[in-house]
Amino acid sequence: MHLKSILLGLAAAMTTVSASSYFCPLALDKTAMIQSAYCCQGFKDAPHTNLSKVGVNCVDVNDHWVDECPKGGTPKCCYAIGPEIICTSEVGKADDDDDDE
């Protein structure tokens, strides 16, 4: 029974869609954290890794699709650790079957 719970938890953690309009893979900095789309005013180097950046003045933009952030640049896939926003990749637009018509 315990193994079943672990497998279900891992399956749930493997989701790569954050919100209906954005696609974000699991974090690419070897943490495999679930990411969301953020617009940040800037970025600084993350300590101890070159696989991610720390976002500066970031705003969660999962509620609606934007091609460009208000201060310029494109949305990034990030996750929050305490007060810091860690970004590891670019967002993609989620596939939506309704757009094919």
PDB file of N, CA and C in Angstrom:
ATOM      1  N   MET A   1       0.827  -1.196   0.000  1.00  0.00           N
ATOM      2  CA  MET A   1       0.000   0.000   0.000  1.00  0.00           C
ATOM      3  C   MET A   1       0.869   1.258   0.000  1.00  0.00           C
ATOM      4  N   HIS A   2       1.954   1.223   0.782  1.00  0.00           N
ATOM      5  CA  HIS A   2       2.838   2.375   0.851  1.00  0.00           C
ATOM      6  C   HIS A   2       3.491   2.650  -0.510  1.00  0.00           C
ATOM      7  N   LEU A   3       3.890   1.583  -1.208  1.00  0.00           N
ATOM      8  CA  LEU A   3       4.488   1.730  -2.528  1.00  0.00           C
ATOM      9  C   LEU A   3       3.502   2.374  -3.501  1.00  0.00           C
ATOM     10  N   LYS A   4       2.237   1.990  -3.416  1.00  0.00           N
ATOM     11  CA  LYS A   4       1.212   2.575  -4.283  1.00  0.00           C
ATOM     12  C   LYS A   4       1.092   4.081  -4.050  1.00  0.00           C
ATOM     13  N   SER A   5       1.137   4.505  -2.790  1.00  0.00           N
ATOM     14  CA  SER A   5       1.063   5.929  -2.450  1.00  0.00           C
ATOM     15  C   SER A   5       2.252   6.686  -3.009  1.00  0.00           C
ATOM     16  N   ILE A   6       3.429   6.084  -2.907  1.00  0.00           N
ATOM     17  CA  ILE A   6       4.641   6.727  -3.440  1.00  0.00           C
ATOM     18  C   ILE A   6       4.535   6.882  -4.951  1.00  0.00           C
ATOM     19  N   LEU A   7       4.098   5.829  -5.632  1.00  0.00           N
ATOM     20  CA  LEU A   7       3.973   5.889  -7.092  1.00  0.00           C
ATOM     21  C   LEU A   7       2.942   6.929  -7.522  1.00  0.00           C
ATOM     22  N   LEU A   8       1.829   7.008  -6.804  1.00  0.00           N
ATOM     23  CA  LEU A   8       0.819   8.023  -7.141  1.00  0.00           C
ATOM     24  C   LEU A   8       1.377   9.427  -6.905  1.00  0.00           C
ATOM     25  N   GLY A   9       2.129   9.604  -5.850  1.00  0.00           N
ATOM     26  CA  GLY A   9       2.737  10.903  -5.571  1.00  0.00           C
ATOM     27  C   GLY A   9       3.741  11.298  -6.641  1.00  0.00           C
ATOM     28  N   LEU A  10       4.554  10.340  -7.068  1.00  0.00           N
ATOM     29  CA  LEU A  10       5.519  10.628  -8.135  1.00  0.00           C
ATOM     30  C   LEU A  10       4.822  10.952  -9.446  1.00  0.00           C
ATOM     31  N   ALA A  11       3.768  10.232  -9.756  1.00  0.00           N
ATOM     32  CA  ALA A  11       3.020  10.506 -10.987  1.00  0.00           C
ATOM     33  C   ALA A  11       2.424  11.905 -10.953  1.00  0.00           C
ATOM     34  N   ALA A  12       1.904  12.300  -9.807  1.00  0.00           N
ATOM     35  CA  ALA A  12       1.335  13.644  -9.691  1.00  0.00           C
ATOM     36  C   ALA A  12       2.418  14.710  -9.812  1.00  0.00           C
ATOM     37  N   ALA A  13       3.592  14.430  -9.310  1.00  0.00           N
ATOM     38  CA  ALA A  13       4.686  15.401  -9.365  1.00  0.00           C
ATOM     39  C   ALA A  13       5.247  15.555 -10.765  1.00  0.00           C
ATOM     40  N   MET A  14       4.996  14.588 -11.632  1.00  0.00           N
ATOM     41  CA  MET A  14       5.553  14.640 -12.981  1.00  0.00           C
ATOM     42  C   MET A  14       4.766  15.546 -13.923  1.00  0.00           C
ATOM     43  N   THR A  15       3.758  16.211 -13.438  1.00  0.00           N
ATOM     44  CA  THR A  15       2.994  17.108 -14.302  1.00  0.00           C
ATOM     45  C   THR A  15       3.893  18.208 -14.846  1.00  0.00           C
ATOM     46  N   THR A  16       3.700  18.554 -16.094  1.00  0.00           N
ATOM     47  CA  THR A  16       4.532  19.591 -16.700  1.00  0.00           C
ATOM     48  C   THR A  16       3.718  20.793 -17.143  1.00  0.00           C
ATOM     49  N   VAL A  17       2.449  20.792 -16.884  1.00  0.00           N
ATOM     50  CA  VAL A  17       1.621  21.920 -17.289  1.00  0.00           C
ATOM     51  C   VAL A  17       1.311  22.762 -16.065  1.00  0.00           C
ATOM     52  N   SER A  18       1.627  24.044 -16.152  1.00  0.00           N
ATOM     53  CA  SER A  18       1.278  24.941 -15.061  1.00  0.00           C
ATOM     54  C   SER A  18       0.327  25.971 -15.640  1.00  0.00           C
ATOM     55  N   ALA A  19      -0.920  25.830 -15.326  1.00  0.00           N
ATOM     56  CA  ALA A  19      -1.990  26.682 -15.842  1.00  0.00           C
ATOM     57  C   ALA A  19      -2.403  26.192 -17.220  1.00  0.00           C
ATOM     58  N   SER A  20      -3.487  26.735 -17.734  1.00  0.00           N
ATOM     59  CA  SER A  20      -4.026  26.240 -18.988  1.00  0.00           C
ATOM     60  C   SER A  20      -3.328  26.802 -20.205  1.00  0.00           C
ATOM     61  N   SER A  21      -2.671  27.957 -20.106  1.00  0.00           N
ATOM     62  CA  SER A  21      -2.065  28.534 -21.284  1.00  0.00           C
ATOM     63  C   SER A  21      -0.565  28.368 -21.384  1.00  0.00           C
ATOM     64  N   TYR A  22       0.085  28.066 -20.290  1.00  0.00           N
ATOM     65  CA  TYR A  22       1.544  27.942 -20.285  1.00  0.00           C
ATOM     66  C   TYR A  22       1.982  26.501 -20.111  1.00  0.00           C
ATOM     67  N   PHE A  23       3.094  26.169 -20.724  1.00  0.00           N
ATOM     68  CA  PHE A  23       3.729  24.872 -20.536  1.00  0.00           C
ATOM     69  C   PHE A  23       5.088  25.115 -19.909  1.00  0.00           C
ATOM     70  N   CYS A  24       5.338  24.503 -18.768  1.00  0.00           N
ATOM     71  CA  CYS A  24       6.647  24.571 -18.123  1.00  0.00           C
ATOM     72  C   CYS A  24       7.079  23.158 -17.763  1.00  0.00           C
ATOM     73  N   PRO A  25       8.298  22.780 -18.166  1.00  0.00           N
ATOM     74  CA  PRO A  25       8.808  21.474 -17.747  1.00  0.00           C
ATOM     75  C   PRO A  25       9.171  21.525 -16.263  1.00  0.00           C
ATOM     76  N   LEU A  26       9.449  20.384 -15.685  1.00  0.00           N
ATOM     77  CA  LEU A  26       9.985  20.377 -14.333  1.00  0.00           C
ATOM     78  C   LEU A  26      11.317  21.125 -14.356  1.00  0.00           C
ATOM     79  N   ALA A  27      11.689  21.715 -13.245  1.00  0.00           N
ATOM     80  CA  ALA A  27      12.903  22.535 -13.181  1.00  0.00           C
ATOM     81  C   ALA A  27      14.111  21.779 -13.728  1.00  0.00           C
ATOM     82  N   LEU A  28      14.900  22.470 -14.511  1.00  0.00           N
ATOM     83  CA  LEU A  28      16.052  21.869 -15.175  1.00  0.00           C
ATOM     84  C   LEU A  28      17.344  22.002 -14.371  1.00  0.00           C
ATOM     85  N   ASP A  29      17.243  22.406 -13.114  1.00  0.00           N
ATOM     86  CA  ASP A  29      18.431  22.590 -12.273  1.00  0.00           C
ATOM     87  C   ASP A  29      18.678  21.399 -11.356  1.00  0.00           C
ATOM     88  N   LYS A  30      18.173  20.246 -11.744  1.00  0.00           N
ATOM     89  CA  LYS A  30      18.318  18.980 -11.018  1.00  0.00           C
ATOM     90  C   LYS A  30      17.470  18.899  -9.749  1.00  0.00           C
ATOM     91  N   THR A  31      16.572  19.876  -9.525  1.00  0.00           N
ATOM     92  CA  THR A  31      15.654  19.788  -8.386  1.00  0.00           C
ATOM     93  C   THR A  31      14.341  19.147  -8.799  1.00  0.00           C
ATOM     94  N   ALA A  32      13.997  19.221 -10.077  1.00  0.00           N
ATOM     95  CA  ALA A  32      12.742  18.698 -10.627  1.00  0.00           C
ATOM     96  C   ALA A  32      11.517  19.314  -9.952  1.00  0.00           C
ATOM     97  N   MET A  33      11.645  20.552  -9.511  1.00  0.00           N
ATOM     98  CA  MET A  33      10.511  21.256  -8.907  1.00  0.00           C
ATOM     99  C   MET A  33       9.482  21.587  -9.985  1.00  0.00           C
ATOM    100  N   ILE A  34       8.207  21.659  -9.589  1.00  0.00           N
ATOM    101  CA  ILE A  34       7.142  22.079 -10.502  1.00  0.00           C
ATOM    102  C   ILE A  34       7.248  23.593 -10.672  1.00  0.00           C
ATOM    103  N   GLN A  35       7.241  24.046 -11.927  1.00  0.00           N
ATOM    104  CA  GLN A  35       7.423  25.463 -12.228  1.00  0.00           C
ATOM    105  C   GLN A  35       6.135  26.118 -12.718  1.00  0.00           C
ATOM    106  N   SER A  36       6.101  27.437 -12.593  1.00  0.00           N
ATOM    107  CA  SER A  36       5.013  28.267 -13.094  1.00  0.00           C
ATOM    108  C   SER A  36       5.613  29.389 -13.929  1.00  0.00           C
ATOM    109  N   ALA A  37       4.774  30.050 -14.703  1.00  0.00           N
ATOM    110  CA  ALA A  37       5.238  31.155 -15.542  1.00  0.00           C
ATOM    111  C   ALA A  37       5.336  32.445 -14.727  1.00  0.00           C
ATOM    112  N   TYR A  38       6.469  33.124 -14.851  1.00  0.00           N
ATOM    113  CA  TYR A  38       6.715  34.389 -14.159  1.00  0.00           C
ATOM    114  C   TYR A  38       7.301  35.399 -15.129  1.00  0.00           C
ATOM    115  N   CYS A  39       6.975  36.664 -14.902  1.00  0.00           N
ATOM    116  CA  CYS A  39       7.659  37.773 -15.553  1.00  0.00           C
ATOM    117  C   CYS A  39       8.533  38.426 -14.489  1.00  0.00           C
ATOM    118  N   CYS A  40       9.805  38.574 -14.790  1.00  0.00           N
ATOM    119  CA  CYS A  40      10.756  39.162 -13.852  1.00  0.00           C
ATOM    120  C   CYS A  40      11.396  40.395 -14.483  1.00  0.00           C
ATOM    121  N   GLN A  41      11.730  41.367 -13.647  1.00  0.00           N
ATOM    122  CA  GLN A  41      12.381  42.575 -14.151  1.00  0.00           C
ATOM    123  C   GLN A  41      13.852  42.336 -14.455  1.00  0.00           C
ATOM    124  N   GLY A  42      14.421  41.328 -13.874  1.00  0.00           N
ATOM    125  CA  GLY A  42      15.819  41.006 -14.125  1.00  0.00           C
ATOM    126  C   GLY A  42      16.179  39.683 -13.482  1.00  0.00           C
ATOM    127  N   PHE A  43      17.440  39.310 -13.626  1.00  0.00           N
ATOM    128  CA  PHE A  43      17.926  38.035 -13.100  1.00  0.00           C
ATOM    129  C   PHE A  43      19.334  38.207 -12.569  1.00  0.00           C
ATOM    130  N   LYS A  44      19.657  37.406 -11.545  1.00  0.00           N
ATOM    131  CA  LYS A  44      21.029  37.372 -11.051  1.00  0.00           C
ATOM    132  C   LYS A  44      21.451  35.913 -10.974  1.00  0.00           C
ATOM    133  N   ASP A  45      22.747  35.688 -10.937  1.00  0.00           N
ATOM    134  CA  ASP A  45      23.249  34.321 -10.877  1.00  0.00           C
ATOM    135  C   ASP A  45      22.775  33.621  -9.618  1.00  0.00           C
ATOM    136  N   ALA A  46      22.421  32.360  -9.773  1.00  0.00           N
ATOM    137  CA  ALA A  46      22.025  31.549  -8.622  1.00  0.00           C
ATOM    138  C   ALA A  46      23.282  31.016  -7.950  1.00  0.00           C
ATOM    139  N   PRO A  47      23.287  30.997  -6.630  1.00  0.00           N
ATOM    140  CA  PRO A  47      24.468  30.455  -5.955  1.00  0.00           C
ATOM    141  C   PRO A  47      24.573  28.945  -6.169  1.00  0.00           C
ATOM    142  N   HIS A  48      25.763  28.455  -6.352  1.00  0.00           N
ATOM    143  CA  HIS A  48      26.069  27.025  -6.412  1.00  0.00           C
ATOM    144  C   HIS A  48      25.606  26.304  -7.669  1.00  0.00           C
ATOM    145  N   THR A  49      25.093  27.008  -8.660  1.00  0.00           N
ATOM    146  CA  THR A  49      24.701  26.332  -9.906  1.00  0.00           C
ATOM    147  C   THR A  49      24.675  27.325 -11.065  1.00  0.00           C
ATOM    148  N   ASN A  50      24.983  26.819 -12.238  1.00  0.00           N
ATOM    149  CA  ASN A  50      24.854  27.638 -13.443  1.00  0.00           C
ATOM    150  C   ASN A  50      23.654  27.176 -14.274  1.00  0.00           C
ATOM    151  N   LEU A  51      22.803  26.341 -13.677  1.00  0.00           N
ATOM    152  CA  LEU A  51      21.632  25.812 -14.373  1.00  0.00           C
ATOM    153  C   LEU A  51      20.372  26.638 -14.133  1.00  0.00           C
ATOM    154  N   SER A  52      20.469  27.679 -13.322  1.00  0.00           N
ATOM    155  CA  SER A  52      19.290  28.497 -13.033  1.00  0.00           C
ATOM    156  C   SER A  52      19.711  29.922 -12.720  1.00  0.00           C
ATOM    157  N   LYS A  53      18.727  30.800 -12.680  1.00  0.00           N
ATOM    158  CA  LYS A  53      18.919  32.209 -12.309  1.00  0.00           C
ATOM    159  C   LYS A  53      17.910  32.551 -11.228  1.00  0.00           C
ATOM    160  N   VAL A  54      18.239  33.535 -10.415  1.00  0.00           N
ATOM    161  CA  VAL A  54      17.315  34.043  -9.402  1.00  0.00           C
ATOM    162  C   VAL A  54      16.607  35.242 -10.011  1.00  0.00           C
ATOM    163  N   GLY A  55      15.281  35.188 -10.063  1.00  0.00           N
ATOM    164  CA  GLY A  55      14.497  36.281 -10.627  1.00  0.00           C
ATOM    165  C   GLY A  55      14.437  37.463  -9.673  1.00  0.00           C
ATOM    166  N   VAL A  56      14.414  38.664 -10.248  1.00  0.00           N
ATOM    167  CA  VAL A  56      14.324  39.901  -9.468  1.00  0.00           C
ATOM    168  C   VAL A  56      12.988  40.564  -9.765  1.00  0.00           C
ATOM    169  N   ASN A  57      12.225  40.880  -8.716  1.00  0.00           N
ATOM    170  CA  ASN A  57      10.912  41.526  -8.847  1.00  0.00           C
ATOM    171  C   ASN A  57      10.012  40.759  -9.817  1.00  0.00           C
ATOM    172  N   CYS A  58       9.751  39.520  -9.507  1.00  0.00           N
ATOM    173  CA  CYS A  58       8.960  38.642 -10.376  1.00  0.00           C
ATOM    174  C   CYS A  58       7.473  38.685 -10.029  1.00  0.00           C
ATOM    175  N   VAL A  59       6.655  38.484 -11.065  1.00  0.00           N
ATOM    176  CA  VAL A  59       5.203  38.439 -10.920  1.00  0.00           C
ATOM    177  C   VAL A  59       4.703  37.176 -11.608  1.00  0.00           C
ATOM    178  N   ASP A  60       3.858  36.430 -10.928  1.00  0.00           N
ATOM    179  CA  ASP A  60       3.253  35.221 -11.479  1.00  0.00           C
ATOM    180  C   ASP A  60       2.274  35.621 -12.583  1.00  0.00           C
ATOM    181  N   VAL A  61       2.422  35.055 -13.776  1.00  0.00           N
ATOM    182  CA  VAL A  61       1.549  35.402 -14.907  1.00  0.00           C
ATOM    183  C   VAL A  61       0.773  34.193 -15.423  1.00  0.00           C
ATOM    184  N   ASN A  62       0.469  33.238 -14.554  1.00  0.00           N
ATOM    185  CA  ASN A  62      -0.255  32.038 -14.979  1.00  0.00           C
ATOM    186  C   ASN A  62      -1.694  32.296 -15.387  1.00  0.00           C
ATOM    187  N   ASP A  63      -2.282  33.395 -14.953  1.00  0.00           N
ATOM    188  CA  ASP A  63      -3.698  33.632 -15.212  1.00  0.00           C
ATOM    189  C   ASP A  63      -4.027  33.930 -16.669  1.00  0.00           C
ATOM    190  N   HIS A  64      -3.092  34.497 -17.409  1.00  0.00           N
ATOM    191  CA  HIS A  64      -3.349  34.799 -18.818  1.00  0.00           C
ATOM    192  C   HIS A  64      -2.042  34.796 -19.597  1.00  0.00           C
ATOM    193  N   TRP A  65      -2.146  34.474 -20.862  1.00  0.00           N
ATOM    194  CA  TRP A  65      -0.966  34.395 -21.732  1.00  0.00           C
ATOM    195  C   TRP A  65      -0.481  35.793 -22.101  1.00  0.00           C
ATOM    196  N   VAL A  66       0.805  36.004 -21.972  1.00  0.00           N
ATOM    197  CA  VAL A  66       1.436  37.224 -22.478  1.00  0.00           C
ATOM    198  C   VAL A  66       2.649  36.801 -23.288  1.00  0.00           C
ATOM    199  N   ASP A  67       2.838  37.430 -24.451  1.00  0.00           N
ATOM    200  CA  ASP A  67       4.013  37.139 -25.271  1.00  0.00           C
ATOM    201  C   ASP A  67       5.237  37.874 -24.742  1.00  0.00           C
ATOM    202  N   GLU A  68       4.983  39.031 -24.135  1.00  0.00           N
ATOM    203  CA  GLU A  68       6.070  39.847 -23.602  1.00  0.00           C
ATOM    204  C   GLU A  68       5.681  40.366 -22.229  1.00  0.00           C
ATOM    205  N   CYS A  69       6.640  40.378 -21.343  1.00  0.00           N
ATOM    206  CA  CYS A  69       6.400  40.873 -19.987  1.00  0.00           C
ATOM    207  C   CYS A  69       6.298  42.395 -19.986  1.00  0.00           C
ATOM    208  N   PRO A  70       5.623  42.973 -18.998  1.00  0.00           N
ATOM    209  CA  PRO A  70       5.437  44.434 -18.952  1.00  0.00           C
ATOM    210  C   PRO A  70       6.741  45.232 -19.011  1.00  0.00           C
ATOM    211  N   LYS A  71       7.800  44.728 -18.407  1.00  0.00           N
ATOM    212  CA  LYS A  71       9.085  45.438 -18.407  1.00  0.00           C
ATOM    213  C   LYS A  71      10.018  44.931 -19.497  1.00  0.00           C
ATOM    214  N   GLY A  72       9.489  44.128 -20.432  1.00  0.00           N
ATOM    215  CA  GLY A  72      10.298  43.562 -21.506  1.00  0.00           C
ATOM    216  C   GLY A  72      10.688  42.124 -21.200  1.00  0.00           C
ATOM    217  N   GLY A  73      11.155  41.440 -22.200  1.00  0.00           N
ATOM    218  CA  GLY A  73      11.514  40.035 -22.033  1.00  0.00           C
ATOM    219  C   GLY A  73      10.303  39.130 -22.137  1.00  0.00           C
ATOM    220  N   THR A  74      10.541  37.845 -22.063  1.00  0.00           N
ATOM    221  CA  THR A  74       9.481  36.854 -22.177  1.00  0.00           C
ATOM    222  C   THR A  74       9.290  36.144 -20.840  1.00  0.00           C
ATOM    223  N   PRO A  75       8.117  35.551 -20.603  1.00  0.00           N
ATOM    224  CA  PRO A  75       7.904  34.810 -19.359  1.00  0.00           C
ATOM    225  C   PRO A  75       8.887  33.644 -19.235  1.00  0.00           C
ATOM    226  N   LYS A  76       9.253  33.336 -18.017  1.00  0.00           N
ATOM    227  CA  LYS A  76      10.180  32.242 -17.713  1.00  0.00           C
ATOM    228  C   LYS A  76       9.492  31.226 -16.805  1.00  0.00           C
ATOM    229  N   CYS A  77       9.968  30.001 -16.854  1.00  0.00           N
ATOM    230  CA  CYS A  77       9.485  28.943 -15.966  1.00  0.00           C
ATOM    231  C   CYS A  77      10.315  28.988 -14.688  1.00  0.00           C
ATOM    232  N   CYS A  78       9.624  29.201 -13.572  1.00  0.00           N
ATOM    233  CA  CYS A  78      10.298  29.397 -12.293  1.00  0.00           C
ATOM    234  C   CYS A  78       9.542  28.691 -11.179  1.00  0.00           C
ATOM    235  N   TYR A  79      10.225  28.542 -10.045  1.00  0.00           N
ATOM    236  CA  TYR A  79       9.589  28.033  -8.828  1.00  0.00           C
ATOM    237  C   TYR A  79      10.053  28.877  -7.659  1.00  0.00           C
ATOM    238  N   ALA A  80       9.248  28.885  -6.615  1.00  0.00           N
ATOM    239  CA  ALA A  80       9.547  29.706  -5.443  1.00  0.00           C
ATOM    240  C   ALA A  80      10.158  28.845  -4.342  1.00  0.00           C
ATOM    241  N   ILE A  81      11.232  29.355  -3.765  1.00  0.00           N
ATOM    242  CA  ILE A  81      11.840  28.766  -2.573  1.00  0.00           C
ATOM    243  C   ILE A  81      11.950  29.904  -1.577  1.00  0.00           C
ATOM    244  N   GLY A  82      11.052  29.895  -0.602  1.00  0.00           N
ATOM    245  CA  GLY A  82      11.012  31.020   0.343  1.00  0.00           C
ATOM    246  C   GLY A  82      10.725  32.294  -0.427  1.00  0.00           C
ATOM    247  N   PRO A  83      11.500  33.345  -0.194  1.00  0.00           N
ATOM    248  CA  PRO A  83      11.256  34.606  -0.890  1.00  0.00           C
ATOM    249  C   PRO A  83      11.879  34.668  -2.288  1.00  0.00           C
ATOM    250  N   GLU A  84      12.669  33.658  -2.655  1.00  0.00           N
ATOM    251  CA  GLU A  84      13.349  33.700  -3.950  1.00  0.00           C
ATOM    252  C   GLU A  84      12.560  32.963  -5.028  1.00  0.00           C
ATOM    253  N   ILE A  85      12.644  33.500  -6.242  1.00  0.00           N
ATOM    254  CA  ILE A  85      12.056  32.874  -7.422  1.00  0.00           C
ATOM    255  C   ILE A  85      13.219  32.357  -8.259  1.00  0.00           C
ATOM    256  N   ILE A  86      13.260  31.050  -8.468  1.00  0.00           N
ATOM    257  CA  ILE A  86      14.345  30.402  -9.206  1.00  0.00           C
ATOM    258  C   ILE A  86      13.819  30.032 -10.589  1.00  0.00           C
ATOM    259  N   CYS A  87      14.493  30.513 -11.626  1.00  0.00           N
ATOM    260  CA  CYS A  87      14.045  30.303 -13.004  1.00  0.00           C
ATOM    261  C   CYS A  87      15.030  29.402 -13.741  1.00  0.00           C
ATOM    262  N   THR A  88      14.479  28.431 -14.487  1.00  0.00           N
ATOM    263  CA  THR A  88      15.359  27.478 -15.166  1.00  0.00           C
ATOM    264  C   THR A  88      15.109  27.337 -16.663  1.00  0.00           C
ATOM    265  N   SER A  89      14.010  27.885 -17.189  1.00  0.00           N
ATOM    266  CA  SER A  89      13.746  27.694 -18.617  1.00  0.00           C
ATOM    267  C   SER A  89      12.731  28.712 -19.135  1.00  0.00           C
ATOM    268  N   GLU A  90      12.561  28.701 -20.444  1.00  0.00           N
ATOM    269  CA  GLU A  90      11.572  29.542 -21.114  1.00  0.00           C
ATOM    270  C   GLU A  90      10.216  28.847 -21.074  1.00  0.00           C
ATOM    271  N   VAL A  91       9.143  29.600 -21.077  1.00  0.00           N
ATOM    272  CA  VAL A  91       7.813  28.991 -21.146  1.00  0.00           C
ATOM    273  C   VAL A  91       7.466  28.663 -22.585  1.00  0.00           C
ATOM    274  N   GLY A  92       6.546  27.747 -22.730  1.00  0.00           N
ATOM    275  CA  GLY A  92       5.970  27.434 -24.022  1.00  0.00           C
ATOM    276  C   GLY A  92       4.469  27.572 -23.895  1.00  0.00           C
ATOM    277  N   LYS A  93       3.788  27.652 -24.989  1.00  0.00           N
ATOM    278  CA  LYS A  93       2.330  27.718 -24.950  1.00  0.00           C
ATOM    279  C   LYS A  93       1.797  26.303 -24.936  1.00  0.00           C
ATOM    280  N   ALA A  94       0.901  26.033 -23.999  1.00  0.00           N
ATOM    281  CA  ALA A  94       0.312  24.693 -23.888  1.00  0.00           C
ATOM    282  C   ALA A  94      -0.535  24.405 -25.112  1.00  0.00           C
ATOM    283  N   ASP A  95      -0.515  23.154 -25.564  1.00  0.00           N
ATOM    284  CA  ASP A  95      -1.366  22.751 -26.684  1.00  0.00           C
ATOM    285  C   ASP A  95      -2.809  22.832 -26.252  1.00  0.00           C
ATOM    286  N   ASP A  96      -3.630  23.389 -27.119  1.00  0.00           N
ATOM    287  CA  ASP A  96      -5.054  23.507 -26.819  1.00  0.00           C
ATOM    288  C   ASP A  96      -5.806  23.043 -28.047  1.00  0.00           C
ATOM    289  N   ASP A  97      -6.522  21.946 -27.919  1.00  0.00           N
ATOM    290  CA  ASP A  97      -7.230  21.368 -29.068  1.00  0.00           C
ATOM    291  C   ASP A  97      -8.217  22.330 -29.696  1.00  0.00           C
ATOM    292  N   ASP A  98      -8.758  23.280 -28.921  1.00  0.00           N
ATOM    293  CA  ASP A  98      -9.728  24.221 -29.457  1.00  0.00           C
ATOM    294  C   ASP A  98      -9.104  25.186 -30.454  1.00  0.00           C
ATOM    295  N   ASP A  99      -7.778  25.387 -30.385  1.00  0.00           N
ATOM    296  CA  ASP A  99      -7.116  26.319 -31.294  1.00  0.00           C
ATOM    297  C   ASP A  99      -6.970  25.755 -32.694  1.00  0.00           C
ATOM    298  N   ASP A 100      -7.156  24.445 -32.868  1.00  0.00           N
ATOM    299  CA  ASP A 100      -6.960  23.822 -34.170  1.00  0.00           C
ATOM    300  C   ASP A 100      -8.125  24.060 -35.122  1.00  0.00           C
ATOM    301  N   GLU A 101      -9.225  24.538 -34.612  1.00  0.00           N
ATOM    302  CA  GLU A 101     -10.403  24.698 -35.476  1.00  0.00           C
ATOM    303  C   GLU A 101     -10.388  25.994 -36.214  1.00  0.00           C
TER     304      GLU A 101
END
